Protein backbone atom coordinates (compact mmCIF):
# COMPACT_ATOMS: atom_id res chain seq x y z
CA UNK A 1 -0.07 -0.10 0.33
CA UNK A 2 2.07 3.19 -1.22
CA UNK A 3 -1.09 5.64 -1.71
CA UNK A 4 -1.84 7.94 0.26
CA UNK A 5 -4.84 10.54 1.33
CA UNK A 6 -3.92 13.43 0.70
CA UNK A 7 -6.58 16.05 2.56
CA UNK A 8 -6.39 19.78 1.27
CA UNK A 9 -8.09 22.70 2.73
CA UNK A 10 -9.67 24.97 -0.26
CA UNK A 11 -8.16 28.12 -1.34
CA UNK A 12 -8.96 31.55 -0.17
CA UNK A 13 -12.83 32.24 -0.78
CA UNK A 14 -14.58 35.64 -0.07
CA UNK A 15 -16.03 33.65 3.12
CA UNK A 16 -12.44 33.85 4.69
CA UNK A 17 -11.15 37.51 3.65
CA UNK A 18 -14.57 38.40 5.38
CA UNK A 19 -13.75 36.10 8.56
CA UNK A 20 -17.36 34.71 8.37
CA UNK A 21 -18.14 31.22 9.42
CA UNK A 22 -19.02 30.13 6.35
CA UNK A 23 -20.21 26.45 6.49
CA UNK A 24 -23.58 26.22 5.08
CA UNK A 25 -22.72 24.80 1.29
CA UNK A 26 -22.52 25.91 -1.64
CA UNK A 27 -20.79 29.07 0.17
CA UNK A 28 -18.48 31.75 -0.97
CA UNK A 29 -16.80 31.34 -4.51
CA UNK A 30 -12.72 31.78 -4.56
CA UNK A 31 -10.80 34.86 -4.24
CA UNK A 32 -8.33 35.06 -7.29
CA UNK A 33 -5.86 34.79 -4.81
CA UNK A 34 -7.67 31.41 -4.45
CA UNK A 35 -7.67 30.54 -8.10
CA UNK A 36 -3.77 31.42 -7.79
CA UNK A 37 -3.37 29.40 -4.41
CA UNK A 38 -5.01 26.14 -6.27
CA UNK A 39 -2.89 25.92 -9.21
CA UNK A 40 0.25 26.50 -7.07
CA UNK A 41 -0.72 23.74 -5.45
CA UNK A 42 -0.70 20.94 -7.91
CA UNK A 43 3.03 21.96 -8.22
CA UNK A 44 3.53 20.99 -5.10
CA UNK A 45 2.16 17.68 -5.58
CA UNK A 46 4.97 14.60 -4.95
CA UNK A 47 3.11 12.60 -7.95
CA UNK A 48 0.77 13.17 -10.23
CA UNK A 49 -2.56 12.02 -8.38
CA UNK A 50 -4.71 9.02 -9.59
CA UNK A 51 -8.31 10.93 -8.07
CA UNK A 52 -9.38 14.00 -7.86
CA UNK A 53 -12.07 15.04 -5.27
CA UNK A 54 -13.94 17.85 -3.83
CA UNK A 55 -17.06 18.55 -1.44
CA UNK A 56 -20.48 19.92 -2.60
CA UNK A 57 -19.28 23.65 -1.88
CA UNK A 58 -18.78 25.86 -4.20
CA UNK A 59 -15.14 27.05 -3.30
CA UNK A 60 -13.95 23.39 -2.86
CA UNK A 61 -14.96 22.48 -6.26
CA UNK A 62 -13.14 26.02 -7.65
CA UNK A 63 -10.14 24.98 -5.77
CA UNK A 64 -10.44 20.99 -7.57
CA UNK A 65 -11.09 22.46 -10.87
CA UNK A 66 -7.77 24.78 -10.50
CA UNK A 67 -5.59 21.63 -8.98
CA UNK A 68 -7.14 19.65 -12.48
CA UNK A 69 -6.25 22.41 -15.09
CA UNK A 70 -2.37 21.70 -13.84
CA UNK A 71 -2.52 17.87 -13.50
CA UNK A 72 -4.78 16.77 -16.18
CA UNK A 73 -7.17 15.24 -14.18
CA UNK A 74 -10.94 16.00 -14.03
CA UNK A 75 -12.09 16.11 -10.49
CA UNK A 76 -15.78 14.90 -8.84
CA UNK A 77 -17.63 15.96 -5.92
CA UNK A 78 -18.07 13.89 -3.04
CA UNK A 79 -20.98 14.24 -0.24
CA UNK A 80 -20.04 14.13 3.26
CA UNK A 81 -16.60 15.93 3.09
CA UNK A 82 -18.04 19.45 3.79
CA UNK A 83 -16.75 21.99 6.20
CA UNK A 84 -18.66 21.23 10.09
CA UNK A 85 -21.78 23.02 9.94
CA UNK A 86 -22.28 25.39 12.88
CA UNK A 87 -26.17 25.97 13.03
CA UNK A 88 -26.75 29.29 14.48
CA UNK A 89 -23.50 30.92 14.17
CA UNK A 90 -23.03 30.33 10.25
CA UNK A 91 -22.40 33.36 8.43
CA UNK A 92 -21.39 35.21 11.58
CA UNK A 93 -17.58 37.29 11.93
CA UNK A 94 -18.33 38.70 15.33
CA UNK A 95 -16.08 37.65 18.08
CA UNK A 96 -18.56 36.24 20.80
CA UNK A 97 -19.19 33.64 17.68
CA UNK A 98 -15.61 32.69 16.75
CA UNK A 99 -15.31 32.10 19.96
CA UNK A 100 -17.94 29.80 20.73
CA UNK A 101 -17.14 27.94 17.60
CA UNK A 102 -13.79 27.56 19.40
CA UNK A 103 -14.93 26.99 22.49
CA UNK A 104 -17.00 23.90 21.29
CA UNK A 105 -14.22 23.08 18.63
CA UNK A 106 -11.94 22.72 21.49
CA UNK A 107 -13.88 20.66 23.69
CA UNK A 108 -14.44 17.99 20.62
CA UNK A 109 -10.47 17.77 20.77
CA UNK A 110 -10.56 16.95 24.37
CA UNK A 111 -12.63 14.02 24.01
CA UNK A 112 -16.30 15.39 24.18
CA UNK A 113 -17.47 13.83 20.75
CA UNK A 114 -20.89 14.82 21.75
CA UNK A 115 -21.10 18.14 22.12
CA UNK A 116 -23.04 20.46 19.16
CA UNK A 117 -22.49 23.71 17.97
CA UNK A 118 -25.70 25.89 18.95
CA UNK A 119 -28.51 24.23 15.75
CA UNK A 120 -25.56 22.86 14.35
CA UNK A 121 -23.72 19.01 14.18
CA UNK A 122 -21.52 17.33 16.81
CA UNK A 123 -18.23 15.78 16.67
CA UNK A 124 -19.62 12.83 15.77
CA UNK A 125 -22.11 13.91 13.30
CA UNK A 126 -19.02 15.01 11.35
CA UNK A 127 -17.30 12.12 11.56
CA UNK A 128 -20.28 9.85 10.51
CA UNK A 129 -20.72 11.33 7.42
CA UNK A 130 -16.54 12.14 6.43
CA UNK A 131 -14.91 8.83 7.50
CA UNK A 132 -17.24 6.36 5.51
CA UNK A 133 -16.39 8.68 2.60
CA UNK A 134 -12.71 8.26 3.27
CA UNK A 135 -12.88 4.13 3.88
CA UNK A 136 -14.71 3.80 0.64
CA UNK A 137 -12.01 5.44 -1.08
CA UNK A 138 -9.62 3.13 0.93
CA UNK A 139 -10.95 -0.02 0.32
CA UNK A 140 -11.59 0.56 -3.16
CA UNK A 141 -8.56 2.29 -4.19
CA UNK A 142 -5.64 2.88 -1.39
CA UNK A 143 -5.70 -1.70 -0.02
CA UNK A 144 -5.11 -2.19 -3.57
CA UNK A 145 -1.57 -3.37 -4.15
CA UNK A 146 -1.37 -2.34 -7.17
CA UNK A 147 -2.59 1.36 -6.40
CA UNK A 148 0.44 3.13 -6.48
CA UNK A 149 -0.33 7.05 -6.54
CA UNK A 150 -2.10 9.81 -3.99
CA UNK A 151 -5.87 10.95 -3.69
CA UNK A 152 -6.48 14.44 -3.51
CA UNK A 153 -9.76 15.22 -1.99
CA UNK A 154 -10.09 18.94 -1.47
CA UNK A 155 -12.05 19.72 1.84
CA UNK A 156 -12.40 22.19 4.95
CA UNK A 157 -10.35 23.01 7.85
CA UNK A 158 -12.26 22.08 10.37
CA UNK A 159 -13.46 19.23 9.29
CA UNK A 160 -10.20 17.64 8.15
CA UNK A 161 -8.68 18.83 11.53
CA UNK A 162 -10.97 16.80 13.53
CA UNK A 163 -10.99 13.85 11.01
CA UNK A 164 -7.68 13.72 10.83
CA UNK A 165 -6.70 13.87 14.10
CA UNK A 166 -9.10 11.15 15.46
CA UNK A 167 -8.07 8.88 12.46
CA UNK A 168 -4.06 9.45 12.75
CA UNK A 169 -3.73 9.87 16.13
CA UNK A 170 -2.79 13.20 16.73
CA UNK A 171 -3.00 14.66 19.87
CA UNK A 172 -5.97 17.28 19.74
CA UNK A 173 -3.83 20.02 21.49
CA UNK A 174 -1.69 19.99 18.18
CA UNK A 175 -4.53 19.88 16.27
CA UNK A 176 -6.13 23.15 17.68
CA UNK A 177 -3.24 24.85 17.65
CA UNK A 178 -1.84 23.72 13.96
CA UNK A 179 -4.53 25.56 11.86
CA UNK A 180 -4.72 24.94 8.39
CA UNK A 181 -3.97 27.83 5.81
CA UNK A 182 -5.92 28.03 2.35
CA UNK A 183 -4.55 25.14 0.17
CA UNK A 184 -2.06 23.48 3.15
CA UNK A 185 -3.01 19.42 3.21
CA UNK A 186 -2.83 16.78 5.54
CA UNK A 187 -1.53 13.56 4.18
CA UNK A 188 -2.81 10.01 5.66
CA UNK A 189 -1.06 6.75 4.85
CA UNK A 190 -2.90 3.43 4.90
CA UNK A 191 -1.42 0.94 7.17
CA UNK A 192 -2.50 -2.36 8.61
CA UNK A 193 -6.11 -3.41 10.24
CA UNK A 194 -7.85 -0.53 8.77
CA UNK A 195 -5.61 2.40 10.42
CA UNK A 196 -4.39 5.24 9.32
CA UNK A 197 -1.02 7.58 9.90
CA UNK A 198 -0.25 10.84 9.64
CA UNK A 199 2.40 11.63 7.74
CA UNK A 200 2.47 14.94 7.20
CA UNK A 201 0.36 18.22 9.22
CA UNK A 202 1.14 21.12 6.96
CA UNK A 203 4.73 22.03 6.92
CA UNK A 204 4.96 19.32 9.78
CA UNK A 205 5.65 15.91 9.62
CA UNK A 206 5.70 13.41 13.18
CA UNK A 207 6.13 13.14 15.69
CA UNK A 208 3.05 15.89 16.33
CA UNK A 209 3.89 16.55 19.85
CA UNK A 210 1.18 18.30 22.20
CA UNK A 211 1.27 21.67 22.48
CA UNK A 212 1.97 23.19 26.11
CA UNK A 213 0.02 26.18 27.02
CA UNK A 214 -2.09 26.35 23.99
CA UNK A 215 -4.76 28.91 24.01
CA UNK A 216 -6.53 28.20 20.83
CA UNK A 217 -9.99 30.00 21.77
CA UNK A 218 -7.66 32.93 22.43
CA UNK A 219 -6.01 32.72 19.68
CA UNK A 220 -8.76 33.02 17.38
CA UNK A 221 -10.75 35.71 18.62
CA UNK A 222 -7.31 37.99 18.62
CA UNK A 223 -6.07 36.53 15.08
CA UNK A 224 -6.98 38.28 11.88
CA UNK A 225 -6.97 34.77 9.63
CA UNK A 226 -10.51 33.16 9.53
CA UNK A 227 -11.73 30.98 11.96
CA UNK A 228 -12.35 27.68 10.07
CA UNK A 229 -8.59 26.65 9.24
């Protein structure tokens, strides 16, 4: 099994620029920078992937289209791998909403997977819709001894960090303190007995040590970056 699953966050969207909690598909379009990021990302791949896919969100589809132009691949769409649904916090950009999202998201990474966003999803709900897509890709392709290339899936920052931490056994405090910028990726490799190994998290490689004294809620409110990475 030499193929890997590359979970890449979409390019910069207009929602990101506005620092909005933009989670409900189809969502915002990419900015001009976002389109450029998508094309540049294709040049960072270690090899031409065999499969290119994306979520139902417009920004993910546009990112995959840009990667497809550079790689010659035709992207296809998957249900179930869209962003964490934030319910009553949707489309808000105020500090209270950003803090509330991150408080609950932090609880997820501390093990409280059943806690929902207000009017939105719990971590359990996200995992229940997201993980089966990855499992199916693994069973169809990555577990095949003759499949030697990567699968690139364009998805979303908060969802990727949650799923990768759970499947790859990455410490929650590391995941909380290591956001994904636009078109940064997390790479999962299949290992024995249906498990996954996280072999890269943006620029970081294992071991992924916990972050002592991390303050993700305060950092998210004070940061000028968008809250969904």
